[in-house]
Structure formats: structure tokens, C-alpha cells
Amino acid sequence: DDLPLLAAEALLLGEGMHCLSLGMQAPVADIATAANQLGAAVVVPSFAASLSPKIAMASLEALREALPAAIPVWAVGELIGRLRREPAGVTLIASVDDIARHARLHMSSKETAGA
């Protein structure tokens, strides 16, 4: 189900962030390559409830390792509430409402850093 990804995209756009969707089944390597080449400010993978938590954790850890530390990773989707722990360097966002809050905080920290 790509509804959480679409909701995240809509909320991020509403907060002034430009979004590029790579789809629901983009491999970790492709996501990392695109993020690095495009200079992404944030990477937001989405995980469907049907995915194994073990696979999701491995994917998040691989993605975090493939990206520069300066690029935040915010994981969303129906599976997030079932993960037992937050991978190092990854923010789990279980609620759609929290996506906009994270975007606002991120944008305000960028504005403060640029001032």
C-alpha cells in the first residue's frame, strides 16, 4: 500500500519540501544513489505492513550506512509501529501527523543554520 508514502509526500510538499518519489519497491542502493546525486535534504522510505520487520530493519540499516550522516532518514508506513527498536541514525515516524512536525523542525533548523 503506497498511501503512507503519498501522505508523507503531500505533507512534506505542504511544508515547502520538494519531493521525488522512487516508488514503493526501489532498492536501497537506488535510493542511496539518487539521494546522493540529487543532494537530498531528507530520505523518507515507506514500509508496508506486509513486509517482514527483520527485512525492514536490514533495509533501514543498509540505507543509513549508504547515505552521508548529514542526510536524515525518516521511516514511515504501516510497519513502523511494529519495529522493536529504532535503527541508529533513523527516525521512525509512526503517525502521519508527525511527518509535518518533523518537516517543520527540519526546515526551521536549516533556516537557523543559514542565518
PDB file of N, CA and C in Angstrom:
ATOM      1  N   ASP A   1       0.843  -1.178   0.000  1.00  0.00           N
ATOM      2  CA  ASP A   1       0.000   0.000   0.000  1.00  0.00           C
ATOM      3  C   ASP A   1       0.886   1.238   0.000  1.00  0.00           C
ATOM      4  N   ASP A   2       0.686   2.112  -0.971  1.00  0.00           N
ATOM      5  CA  ASP A   2       1.518   3.302  -1.063  1.00  0.00           C
ATOM      6  C   ASP A   2       0.866   4.540  -0.449  1.00  0.00           C
ATOM      7  N   LEU A   3      -0.254   4.375   0.248  1.00  0.00           N
ATOM      8  CA  LEU A   3      -0.933   5.503   0.869  1.00  0.00           C
ATOM      9  C   LEU A   3      -0.053   6.249   1.880  1.00  0.00           C
ATOM     10  N   PRO A   4       0.683   5.575   2.784  1.00  0.00           N
ATOM     11  CA  PRO A   4       1.557   6.317   3.704  1.00  0.00           C
ATOM     12  C   PRO A   4       2.628   7.131   2.973  1.00  0.00           C
ATOM     13  N   LEU A   5       3.149   6.581   1.879  1.00  0.00           N
ATOM     14  CA  LEU A   5       4.158   7.303   1.108  1.00  0.00           C
ATOM     15  C   LEU A   5       3.548   8.538   0.447  1.00  0.00           C
ATOM     16  N   LEU A   6       2.349   8.394  -0.105  1.00  0.00           N
ATOM     17  CA  LEU A   6       1.663   9.534  -0.720  1.00  0.00           C
ATOM     18  C   LEU A   6       1.310  10.588   0.326  1.00  0.00           C
ATOM     19  N   ALA A   7       0.877  10.142   1.502  1.00  0.00           N
ATOM     20  CA  ALA A   7       0.553  11.083   2.581  1.00  0.00           C
ATOM     21  C   ALA A   7       1.806  11.836   3.022  1.00  0.00           C
ATOM     22  N   ALA A   8       2.907  11.115   3.161  1.00  0.00           N
ATOM     23  CA  ALA A   8       4.165  11.755   3.558  1.00  0.00           C
ATOM     24  C   ALA A   8       4.578  12.789   2.515  1.00  0.00           C
ATOM     25  N   GLU A   9       4.480  12.407   1.250  1.00  0.00           N
ATOM     26  CA  GLU A   9       4.847  13.335   0.179  1.00  0.00           C
ATOM     27  C   GLU A   9       3.984  14.589   0.217  1.00  0.00           C
ATOM     28  N   ALA A  10       2.679  14.428   0.376  1.00  0.00           N
ATOM     29  CA  ALA A  10       1.771  15.570   0.429  1.00  0.00           C
ATOM     30  C   ALA A  10       2.090  16.482   1.612  1.00  0.00           C
ATOM     31  N   LEU A  11       2.339  15.894   2.760  1.00  0.00           N
ATOM     32  CA  LEU A  11       2.653  16.696   3.948  1.00  0.00           C
ATOM     33  C   LEU A  11       3.989  17.416   3.806  1.00  0.00           C
ATOM     34  N   LEU A  12       4.976  16.742   3.241  1.00  0.00           N
ATOM     35  CA  LEU A  12       6.285  17.371   3.050  1.00  0.00           C
ATOM     36  C   LEU A  12       6.190  18.510   2.035  1.00  0.00           C
ATOM     37  N   LEU A  13       5.437  18.291   0.968  1.00  0.00           N
ATOM     38  CA  LEU A  13       5.225  19.364  -0.014  1.00  0.00           C
ATOM     39  C   LEU A  13       4.543  20.557   0.653  1.00  0.00           C
ATOM     40  N   GLY A  14       3.577  20.272   1.517  1.00  0.00           N
ATOM     41  CA  GLY A  14       2.869  21.327   2.233  1.00  0.00           C
ATOM     42  C   GLY A  14       3.772  22.134   3.149  1.00  0.00           C
ATOM     43  N   GLU A  15       4.860  21.536   3.571  1.00  0.00           N
ATOM     44  CA  GLU A  15       5.823  22.226   4.441  1.00  0.00           C
ATOM     45  C   GLU A  15       6.958  22.878   3.645  1.00  0.00           C
ATOM     46  N   GLY A  16       6.831  22.845   2.312  1.00  0.00           N
ATOM     47  CA  GLY A  16       7.823  23.527   1.472  1.00  0.00           C
ATOM     48  C   GLY A  16       8.995  22.676   1.026  1.00  0.00           C
ATOM     49  N   MET A  17       8.905  21.381   1.218  1.00  0.00           N
ATOM     50  CA  MET A  17       9.988  20.497   0.799  1.00  0.00           C
ATOM     51  C   MET A  17       9.653  19.916  -0.577  1.00  0.00           C
ATOM     52  N   HIS A  18      10.631  19.913  -1.468  1.00  0.00           N
ATOM     53  CA  HIS A  18      10.454  19.305  -2.789  1.00  0.00           C
ATOM     54  C   HIS A  18      10.591  17.795  -2.631  1.00  0.00           C
ATOM     55  N   CYS A  19       9.730  17.024  -3.278  1.00  0.00           N
ATOM     56  CA  CYS A  19       9.748  15.568  -3.139  1.00  0.00           C
ATOM     57  C   CYS A  19       9.948  14.886  -4.483  1.00  0.00           C
ATOM     58  N   LEU A  20      10.664  13.788  -4.455  1.00  0.00           N
ATOM     59  CA  LEU A  20      10.841  12.926  -5.619  1.00  0.00           C
ATOM     60  C   LEU A  20      10.578  11.500  -5.155  1.00  0.00           C
ATOM     61  N   SER A  21       9.531  10.894  -5.683  1.00  0.00           N
ATOM     62  CA  SER A  21       9.188   9.528  -5.299  1.00  0.00           C
ATOM     63  C   SER A  21       9.875   8.544  -6.231  1.00  0.00           C
ATOM     64  N   LEU A  22      10.529   7.552  -5.645  1.00  0.00           N
ATOM     65  CA  LEU A  22      11.168   6.495  -6.424  1.00  0.00           C
ATOM     66  C   LEU A  22      10.302   5.250  -6.476  1.00  0.00           C
ATOM     67  N   GLY A  23       9.104   5.334  -5.889  1.00  0.00           N
ATOM     68  CA  GLY A  23       8.187   4.205  -5.915  1.00  0.00           C
ATOM     69  C   GLY A  23       8.315   3.345  -4.674  1.00  0.00           C
ATOM     70  N   MET A  24       7.440   2.362  -4.598  1.00  0.00           N
ATOM     71  CA  MET A  24       7.343   1.523  -3.405  1.00  0.00           C
ATOM     72  C   MET A  24       8.388   0.410  -3.332  1.00  0.00           C
ATOM     73  N   GLN A  25       8.982   0.039  -4.429  1.00  0.00           N
ATOM     74  CA  GLN A  25       9.889  -1.104  -4.382  1.00  0.00           C
ATOM     75  C   GLN A  25      11.298  -0.756  -4.852  1.00  0.00           C
ATOM     76  N   ALA A  26      11.694   0.482  -4.680  1.00  0.00           N
ATOM     77  CA  ALA A  26      13.039   0.890  -5.082  1.00  0.00           C
ATOM     78  C   ALA A  26      14.071   0.230  -4.177  1.00  0.00           C
ATOM     79  N   PRO A  27      15.091  -0.377  -4.768  1.00  0.00           N
ATOM     80  CA  PRO A  27      16.159  -0.989  -3.959  1.00  0.00           C
ATOM     81  C   PRO A  27      16.936   0.068  -3.161  1.00  0.00           C
ATOM     82  N   VAL A  28      17.461  -0.338  -2.027  1.00  0.00           N
ATOM     83  CA  VAL A  28      18.223   0.554  -1.152  1.00  0.00           C
ATOM     84  C   VAL A  28      19.344   1.246  -1.925  1.00  0.00           C
ATOM     85  N   ALA A  29      20.064   0.501  -2.742  1.00  0.00           N
ATOM     86  CA  ALA A  29      21.179   1.085  -3.499  1.00  0.00           C
ATOM     87  C   ALA A  29      20.696   2.196  -4.428  1.00  0.00           C
ATOM     88  N   ASP A  30      19.539   2.012  -5.060  1.00  0.00           N
ATOM     89  CA  ASP A  30      18.997   3.036  -5.950  1.00  0.00           C
ATOM     90  C   ASP A  30      18.570   4.282  -5.171  1.00  0.00           C
ATOM     91  N   ILE A  31      17.986   4.069  -4.004  1.00  0.00           N
ATOM     92  CA  ILE A  31      17.576   5.196  -3.163  1.00  0.00           C
ATOM     93  C   ILE A  31      18.803   5.996  -2.738  1.00  0.00           C
ATOM     94  N   ALA A  32      19.831   5.310  -2.283  1.00  0.00           N
ATOM     95  CA  ALA A  32      21.054   5.988  -1.831  1.00  0.00           C
ATOM     96  C   ALA A  32      21.730   6.728  -2.982  1.00  0.00           C
ATOM     97  N   THR A  33      21.794   6.110  -4.146  1.00  0.00           N
ATOM     98  CA  THR A  33      22.408   6.750  -5.310  1.00  0.00           C
ATOM     99  C   THR A  33      21.651   8.012  -5.684  1.00  0.00           C
ATOM    100  N   ALA A  34      20.331   7.918  -5.768  1.00  0.00           N
ATOM    101  CA  ALA A  34      19.517   9.084  -6.121  1.00  0.00           C
ATOM    102  C   ALA A  34      19.673  10.191  -5.084  1.00  0.00           C
ATOM    103  N   ALA A  35      19.623   9.838  -3.811  1.00  0.00           N
ATOM    104  CA  ALA A  35      19.748  10.836  -2.746  1.00  0.00           C
ATOM    105  C   ALA A  35      21.098  11.544  -2.815  1.00  0.00           C
ATOM    106  N   ASN A  36      22.147  10.784  -3.035  1.00  0.00           N
ATOM    107  CA  ASN A  36      23.482  11.377  -3.122  1.00  0.00           C
ATOM    108  C   ASN A  36      23.629  12.250  -4.359  1.00  0.00           C
ATOM    109  N   GLN A  37      23.168  11.773  -5.501  1.00  0.00           N
ATOM    110  CA  GLN A  37      23.304  12.527  -6.741  1.00  0.00           C
ATOM    111  C   GLN A  37      22.451  13.798  -6.762  1.00  0.00           C
ATOM    112  N   LEU A  38      21.292  13.737  -6.137  1.00  0.00           N
ATOM    113  CA  LEU A  38      20.384  14.879  -6.146  1.00  0.00           C
ATOM    114  C   LEU A  38      20.580  15.820  -4.957  1.00  0.00           C
ATOM    115  N   GLY A  39      21.447  15.444  -4.018  1.00  0.00           N
ATOM    116  CA  GLY A  39      21.664  16.272  -2.837  1.00  0.00           C
ATOM    117  C   GLY A  39      20.433  16.352  -1.952  1.00  0.00           C
ATOM    118  N   ALA A  40      19.811  15.212  -1.714  1.00  0.00           N
ATOM    119  CA  ALA A  40      18.579  15.165  -0.917  1.00  0.00           C
ATOM    120  C   ALA A  40      18.797  15.755   0.471  1.00  0.00           C
ATOM    121  N   ALA A  41      17.781  16.463   0.933  1.00  0.00           N
ATOM    122  CA  ALA A  41      17.813  17.019   2.283  1.00  0.00           C
ATOM    123  C   ALA A  41      17.387  15.980   3.301  1.00  0.00           C
ATOM    124  N   VAL A  42      16.481  15.076   2.899  1.00  0.00           N
ATOM    125  CA  VAL A  42      15.928  14.031   3.766  1.00  0.00           C
ATOM    126  C   VAL A  42      15.553  12.853   2.875  1.00  0.00           C
ATOM    127  N   VAL A  43      15.698  11.636   3.391  1.00  0.00           N
ATOM    128  CA  VAL A  43      15.228  10.441   2.690  1.00  0.00           C
ATOM    129  C   VAL A  43      14.129   9.817   3.548  1.00  0.00           C
ATOM    130  N   VAL A  44      12.974   9.540   2.911  1.00  0.00           N
ATOM    131  CA  VAL A  44      11.809   9.042   3.639  1.00  0.00           C
ATOM    132  C   VAL A  44      11.312   7.745   3.000  1.00  0.00           C
ATOM    133  N   PRO A  45      11.876   6.603   3.409  1.00  0.00           N
ATOM    134  CA  PRO A  45      11.355   5.331   2.894  1.00  0.00           C
ATOM    135  C   PRO A  45      10.066   4.953   3.621  1.00  0.00           C
ATOM    136  N   SER A  46       9.200   4.250   2.909  1.00  0.00           N
ATOM    137  CA  SER A  46       7.925   3.804   3.472  1.00  0.00           C
ATOM    138  C   SER A  46       7.891   2.282   3.465  1.00  0.00           C
ATOM    139  N   PHE A  47       7.344   1.701   4.531  1.00  0.00           N
ATOM    140  CA  PHE A  47       7.300   0.247   4.665  1.00  0.00           C
ATOM    141  C   PHE A  47       5.867  -0.229   4.901  1.00  0.00           C
ATOM    142  N   ALA A  48       5.401  -1.105   4.016  1.00  0.00           N
ATOM    143  CA  ALA A  48       4.057  -1.668   4.111  1.00  0.00           C
ATOM    144  C   ALA A  48       3.984  -2.652   5.272  1.00  0.00           C
ATOM    145  N   ALA A  49       2.788  -2.818   5.818  1.00  0.00           N
ATOM    146  CA  ALA A  49       2.570  -3.721   6.944  1.00  0.00           C
ATOM    147  C   ALA A  49       2.904  -5.161   6.597  1.00  0.00           C
ATOM    148  N   SER A  50       2.815  -5.514   5.331  1.00  0.00           N
ATOM    149  CA  SER A  50       3.055  -6.898   4.918  1.00  0.00           C
ATOM    150  C   SER A  50       4.530  -7.271   4.901  1.00  0.00           C
ATOM    151  N   LEU A  51       5.422  -6.303   4.986  1.00  0.00           N
ATOM    152  CA  LEU A  51       6.850  -6.576   4.963  1.00  0.00           C
ATOM    153  C   LEU A  51       7.320  -7.117   6.311  1.00  0.00           C
ATOM    154  N   SER A  52       8.287  -7.975   6.270  1.00  0.00           N
ATOM    155  CA  SER A  52       8.874  -8.512   7.496  1.00  0.00           C
ATOM    156  C   SER A  52       9.631  -7.411   8.244  1.00  0.00           C
ATOM    157  N   PRO A  53       9.405  -7.272   9.562  1.00  0.00           N
ATOM    158  CA  PRO A  53      10.170  -6.290  10.331  1.00  0.00           C
ATOM    159  C   PRO A  53      11.676  -6.507  10.220  1.00  0.00           C
ATOM    160  N   LYS A  54      12.099  -7.760  10.135  1.00  0.00           N
ATOM    161  CA  LYS A  54      13.526  -8.059  10.019  1.00  0.00           C
ATOM    162  C   LYS A  54      14.101  -7.500   8.712  1.00  0.00           C
ATOM    163  N   ILE A  55      13.353  -7.651   7.625  1.00  0.00           N
ATOM    164  CA  ILE A  55      13.793  -7.114   6.337  1.00  0.00           C
ATOM    165  C   ILE A  55      13.799  -5.587   6.374  1.00  0.00           C
ATOM    166  N   ALA A  56      12.787  -5.000   6.989  1.00  0.00           N
ATOM    167  CA  ALA A  56      12.720  -3.542   7.095  1.00  0.00           C
ATOM    168  C   ALA A  56      13.915  -3.005   7.880  1.00  0.00           C
ATOM    169  N   MET A  57      14.244  -3.644   8.995  1.00  0.00           N
ATOM    170  CA  MET A  57      15.392  -3.201   9.800  1.00  0.00           C
ATOM    171  C   MET A  57      16.685  -3.296   8.994  1.00  0.00           C
ATOM    172  N   ALA A  58      16.873  -4.406   8.294  1.00  0.00           N
ATOM    173  CA  ALA A  58      18.081  -4.576   7.485  1.00  0.00           C
ATOM    174  C   ALA A  58      18.150  -3.508   6.389  1.00  0.00           C
ATOM    175  N   SER A  59      17.010  -3.208   5.783  1.00  0.00           N
ATOM    176  CA  SER A  59      16.965  -2.184   4.732  1.00  0.00           C
ATOM    177  C   SER A  59      17.289  -0.804   5.293  1.00  0.00           C
ATOM    178  N   LEU A  60      16.720  -0.481   6.452  1.00  0.00           N
ATOM    179  CA  LEU A  60      16.991   0.814   7.074  1.00  0.00           C
ATOM    180  C   LEU A  60      18.456   0.950   7.472  1.00  0.00           C
ATOM    181  N   GLU A  61      19.016  -0.100   8.021  1.00  0.00           N
ATOM    182  CA  GLU A  61      20.428  -0.060   8.409  1.00  0.00           C
ATOM    183  C   GLU A  61      21.328   0.088   7.183  1.00  0.00           C
ATOM    184  N   ALA A  62      21.007  -0.616   6.101  1.00  0.00           N
ATOM    185  CA  ALA A  62      21.793  -0.508   4.867  1.00  0.00           C
ATOM    186  C   ALA A  62      21.660   0.881   4.255  1.00  0.00           C
ATOM    187  N   LEU A  63      20.460   1.436   4.277  1.00  0.00           N
ATOM    188  CA  LEU A  63      20.249   2.775   3.738  1.00  0.00           C
ATOM    189  C   LEU A  63      21.009   3.804   4.546  1.00  0.00           C
ATOM    190  N   ARG A  64      20.917   3.720   5.872  1.00  0.00           N
ATOM    191  CA  ARG A  64      21.628   4.669   6.728  1.00  0.00           C
ATOM    192  C   ARG A  64      23.136   4.611   6.462  1.00  0.00           C
ATOM    193  N   GLU A  65      23.653   3.414   6.280  1.00  0.00           N
ATOM    194  CA  GLU A  65      25.084   3.235   6.023  1.00  0.00           C
ATOM    195  C   GLU A  65      25.484   3.799   4.653  1.00  0.00           C
ATOM    196  N   ALA A  66      24.582   3.742   3.684  1.00  0.00           N
ATOM    197  CA  ALA A  66      24.886   4.175   2.322  1.00  0.00           C
ATOM    198  C   ALA A  66      24.794   5.687   2.129  1.00  0.00           C
ATOM    199  N   LEU A  67      24.192   6.381   3.090  1.00  0.00           N
ATOM    200  CA  LEU A  67      23.994   7.820   2.973  1.00  0.00           C
ATOM    201  C   LEU A  67      24.944   8.584   3.876  1.00  0.00           C
ATOM    202  N   PRO A  68      25.300   9.800   3.487  1.00  0.00           N
ATOM    203  CA  PRO A  68      26.081  10.643   4.399  1.00  0.00           C
ATOM    204  C   PRO A  68      25.284  10.900   5.678  1.00  0.00           C
ATOM    205  N   ALA A  69      25.974  11.040   6.785  1.00  0.00           N
ATOM    206  CA  ALA A  69      25.308  11.263   8.078  1.00  0.00           C
ATOM    207  C   ALA A  69      24.462  12.535   8.067  1.00  0.00           C
ATOM    208  N   ALA A  70      24.794  13.494   7.208  1.00  0.00           N
ATOM    209  CA  ALA A  70      24.066  14.762   7.153  1.00  0.00           C
ATOM    210  C   ALA A  70      22.662  14.624   6.558  1.00  0.00           C
ATOM    211  N   ILE A  71      22.379  13.513   5.882  1.00  0.00           N
ATOM    212  CA  ILE A  71      21.049  13.304   5.304  1.00  0.00           C
ATOM    213  C   ILE A  71      20.207  12.496   6.284  1.00  0.00           C
ATOM    214  N   PRO A  72      19.193  13.119   6.878  1.00  0.00           N
ATOM    215  CA  PRO A  72      18.329  12.374   7.800  1.00  0.00           C
ATOM    216  C   PRO A  72      17.523  11.295   7.067  1.00  0.00           C
ATOM    217  N   VAL A  73      17.251  10.206   7.762  1.00  0.00           N
ATOM    218  CA  VAL A  73      16.378   9.145   7.250  1.00  0.00           C
ATOM    219  C   VAL A  73      15.181   9.073   8.184  1.00  0.00           C
ATOM    220  N   TRP A  74      13.988   9.304   7.620  1.00  0.00           N
ATOM    221  CA  TRP A  74      12.735   9.242   8.368  1.00  0.00           C
ATOM    222  C   TRP A  74      11.919   8.102   7.789  1.00  0.00           C
ATOM    223  N   ALA A  75      11.748   7.038   8.492  1.00  0.00           N
ATOM    224  CA  ALA A  75      10.983   5.889   8.005  1.00  0.00           C
ATOM    225  C   ALA A  75       9.515   6.029   8.373  1.00  0.00           C
ATOM    226  N   VAL A  76       8.638   5.791   7.381  1.00  0.00           N
ATOM    227  CA  VAL A  76       7.199   5.886   7.585  1.00  0.00           C
ATOM    228  C   VAL A  76       6.532   4.604   7.092  1.00  0.00           C
ATOM    229  N   GLY A  77       5.255   4.491   7.340  1.00  0.00           N
ATOM    230  CA  GLY A  77       4.486   3.365   6.820  1.00  0.00           C
ATOM    231  C   GLY A  77       3.832   2.556   7.922  1.00  0.00           C
ATOM    232  N   GLU A  78       2.975   1.650   7.498  1.00  0.00           N
ATOM    233  CA  GLU A  78       2.191   0.847   8.429  1.00  0.00           C
ATOM    234  C   GLU A  78       3.054  -0.082   9.285  1.00  0.00           C
ATOM    235  N   LEU A  79       4.205  -0.471   8.801  1.00  0.00           N
ATOM    236  CA  LEU A  79       5.066  -1.399   9.535  1.00  0.00           C
ATOM    237  C   LEU A  79       5.797  -0.733  10.703  1.00  0.00           C
ATOM    238  N   ILE A  80       6.002   0.555  10.635  1.00  0.00           N
ATOM    239  CA  ILE A  80       6.862   1.254  11.589  1.00  0.00           C
ATOM    240  C   ILE A  80       6.464   1.018  13.044  1.00  0.00           C
ATOM    241  N   GLY A  81       5.190   0.992  13.331  1.00  0.00           N
ATOM    242  CA  GLY A  81       4.738   0.761  14.697  1.00  0.00           C
ATOM    243  C   GLY A  81       5.072  -0.618  15.238  1.00  0.00           C
ATOM    244  N   ARG A  82       5.414  -1.545  14.350  1.00  0.00           N
ATOM    245  CA  ARG A  82       5.739  -2.907  14.777  1.00  0.00           C
ATOM    246  C   ARG A  82       7.234  -3.150  14.952  1.00  0.00           C
ATOM    247  N   LEU A  83       8.057  -2.182  14.609  1.00  0.00           N
ATOM    248  CA  LEU A  83       9.502  -2.374  14.780  1.00  0.00           C
ATOM    249  C   LEU A  83       9.856  -2.257  16.254  1.00  0.00           C
ATOM    250  N   ARG A  84      10.703  -3.147  16.707  1.00  0.00           N
ATOM    251  CA  ARG A  84      11.043  -3.209  18.139  1.00  0.00           C
ATOM    252  C   ARG A  84      12.032  -2.146  18.577  1.00  0.00           C
ATOM    253  N   ARG A  85      12.809  -1.650  17.638  1.00  0.00           N
ATOM    254  CA  ARG A  85      13.802  -0.634  18.000  1.00  0.00           C
ATOM    255  C   ARG A  85      14.009   0.308  16.822  1.00  0.00           C
ATOM    256  N   GLU A  86      14.565   1.461  17.125  1.00  0.00           N
ATOM    257  CA  GLU A  86      14.870   2.444  16.101  1.00  0.00           C
ATOM    258  C   GLU A  86      16.318   2.245  15.671  1.00  0.00           C
ATOM    259  N   PRO A  87      16.562   1.965  14.393  1.00  0.00           N
ATOM    260  CA  PRO A  87      17.947   1.790  13.946  1.00  0.00           C
ATOM    261  C   PRO A  87      18.752   3.074  14.179  1.00  0.00           C
ATOM    262  N   ALA A  88      20.021   2.937  14.455  1.00  0.00           N
ATOM    263  CA  ALA A  88      20.878   4.099  14.681  1.00  0.00           C
ATOM    264  C   ALA A  88      20.821   5.027  13.473  1.00  0.00           C
ATOM    265  N   GLY A  89      20.595   6.298  13.736  1.00  0.00           N
ATOM    266  CA  GLY A  89      20.592   7.290  12.669  1.00  0.00           C
ATOM    267  C   GLY A  89      19.316   7.345  11.847  1.00  0.00           C
ATOM    268  N   VAL A  90      18.277   6.663  12.297  1.00  0.00           N
ATOM    269  CA  VAL A  90      16.999   6.633  11.584  1.00  0.00           C
ATOM    270  C   VAL A  90      15.901   7.070  12.555  1.00  0.00           C
ATOM    271  N   THR A  91      15.006   7.924  12.078  1.00  0.00           N
ATOM    272  CA  THR A  91      13.859   8.341  12.874  1.00  0.00           C
ATOM    273  C   THR A  91      12.638   7.593  12.379  1.00  0.00           C
ATOM    274  N   LEU A  92      11.987   6.860  13.269  1.00  0.00           N
ATOM    275  CA  LEU A  92      10.761   6.151  12.920  1.00  0.00           C
ATOM    276  C   LEU A  92       9.585   7.084  13.160  1.00  0.00           C
ATOM    277  N   ILE A  93       8.759   7.270  12.140  1.00  0.00           N
ATOM    278  CA  ILE A  93       7.601   8.155  12.245  1.00  0.00           C
ATOM    279  C   ILE A  93       6.357   7.308  12.022  1.00  0.00           C
ATOM    280  N   ALA A  94       5.723   6.919  13.114  1.00  0.00           N
ATOM    281  CA  ALA A  94       4.578   6.012  13.046  1.00  0.00           C
ATOM    282  C   ALA A  94       3.276   6.732  12.728  1.00  0.00           C
ATOM    283  N   SER A  95       3.220   8.029  12.971  1.00  0.00           N
ATOM    284  CA  SER A  95       1.986   8.791  12.792  1.00  0.00           C
ATOM    285  C   SER A  95       2.130   9.769  11.626  1.00  0.00           C
ATOM    286  N   VAL A  96       1.110   9.826  10.801  1.00  0.00           N
ATOM    287  CA  VAL A  96       1.121  10.765   9.682  1.00  0.00           C
ATOM    288  C   VAL A  96       1.263  12.195  10.194  1.00  0.00           C
ATOM    289  N   ASP A  97       0.647  12.512  11.316  1.00  0.00           N
ATOM    290  CA  ASP A  97       0.728  13.856  11.878  1.00  0.00           C
ATOM    291  C   ASP A  97       2.167  14.254  12.201  1.00  0.00           C
ATOM    292  N   ASP A  98       2.989  13.283  12.576  1.00  0.00           N
ATOM    293  CA  ASP A  98       4.370  13.582  12.946  1.00  0.00           C
ATOM    294  C   ASP A  98       5.254  13.916  11.744  1.00  0.00           C
ATOM    295  N   ILE A  99       4.836  13.539  10.545  1.00  0.00           N
ATOM    296  CA  ILE A  99       5.635  13.832   9.354  1.00  0.00           C
ATOM    297  C   ILE A  99       5.767  15.342   9.175  1.00  0.00           C
ATOM    298  N   ALA A 100       4.652  16.047   9.241  1.00  0.00           N
ATOM    299  CA  ALA A 100       4.678  17.506   9.074  1.00  0.00           C
ATOM    300  C   ALA A 100       5.491  18.157  10.185  1.00  0.00           C
ATOM    301  N   ARG A 101       5.358  17.642  11.398  1.00  0.00           N
ATOM    302  CA  ARG A 101       6.134  18.208  12.529  1.00  0.00           C
ATOM    303  C   ARG A 101       7.630  18.050  12.284  1.00  0.00           C
ATOM    304  N   HIS A 102       8.052  16.882  11.830  1.00  0.00           N
ATOM    305  CA  HIS A 102       9.474  16.666  11.538  1.00  0.00           C
ATOM    306  C   HIS A 102       9.939  17.579  10.403  1.00  0.00           C
ATOM    307  N   ALA A 103       9.094  17.753   9.398  1.00  0.00           N
ATOM    308  CA  ALA A 103       9.452  18.630   8.274  1.00  0.00           C
ATOM    309  C   ALA A 103       9.629  20.068   8.754  1.00  0.00           C
ATOM    310  N   ARG A 104       8.697  20.543   9.590  1.00  0.00           N
ATOM    311  CA  ARG A 104       8.802  21.913  10.110  1.00  0.00           C
ATOM    312  C   ARG A 104      10.083  22.083  10.919  1.00  0.00           C
ATOM    313  N   LEU A 105      10.380  21.124  11.779  1.00  0.00           N
ATOM    314  CA  LEU A 105      11.607  21.204  12.579  1.00  0.00           C
ATOM    315  C   LEU A 105      12.843  21.200  11.694  1.00  0.00           C
ATOM    316  N   HIS A 106      12.827  20.354  10.680  1.00  0.00           N
ATOM    317  CA  HIS A 106      13.971  20.266   9.765  1.00  0.00           C
ATOM    318  C   HIS A 106      14.149  21.580   9.007  1.00  0.00           C
ATOM    319  N   MET A 107      13.055  22.109   8.475  1.00  0.00           N
ATOM    320  CA  MET A 107      13.130  23.357   7.713  1.00  0.00           C
ATOM    321  C   MET A 107      13.571  24.514   8.603  1.00  0.00           C
ATOM    322  N   SER A 108      13.071  24.588   9.830  1.00  0.00           N
ATOM    323  CA  SER A 108      13.465  25.682  10.715  1.00  0.00           C
ATOM    324  C   SER A 108      14.921  25.554  11.142  1.00  0.00           C
ATOM    325  N   SER A 109      15.421  24.318  11.283  1.00  0.00           N
ATOM    326  CA  SER A 109      16.843  24.159  11.639  1.00  0.00           C
ATOM    327  C   SER A 109      17.726  24.557  10.476  1.00  0.00           C
ATOM    328  N   LYS A 110      17.272  24.316   9.242  1.00  0.00           N
ATOM    329  CA  LYS A 110      18.040  24.733   8.068  1.00  0.00           C
ATOM    330  C   LYS A 110      18.067  26.259   7.958  1.00  0.00           C
ATOM    331  N   GLU A 111      16.913  26.893   8.257  1.00  0.00           N
ATOM    332  CA  GLU A 111      16.847  28.358   8.207  1.00  0.00           C
ATOM    333  C   GLU A 111      17.736  28.969   9.269  1.00  0.00           C
ATOM    334  N   THR A 112      17.733  28.389  10.468  1.00  0.00           N
ATOM    335  CA  THR A 112      18.565  28.875  11.564  1.00  0.00           C
ATOM    336  C   THR A 112      20.041  28.709  11.236  1.00  0.00           C
ATOM    337  N   ALA A 113      20.401  27.577  10.639  1.00  0.00           N
ATOM    338  CA  ALA A 113      21.803  27.330  10.277  1.00  0.00           C
ATOM    339  C   ALA A 113      22.270  28.289   9.182  1.00  0.00           C
ATOM    340  N   GLY A 114      21.341  28.684   8.300  1.00  0.00           N
ATOM    341  CA  GLY A 114      21.696  29.582   7.206  1.00  0.00           C
ATOM    342  C   GLY A 114      21.705  31.048   7.599  1.00  0.00           C
ATOM    343  N   ALA A 115      21.182  31.355   8.781  1.00  0.00           N
ATOM    344  CA  ALA A 115      21.086  32.765   9.217  1.00  0.00           C
ATOM    345  C   ALA A 115      22.372  33.282   9.763  1.00  0.00           C
TER     346      ALA A 115
END
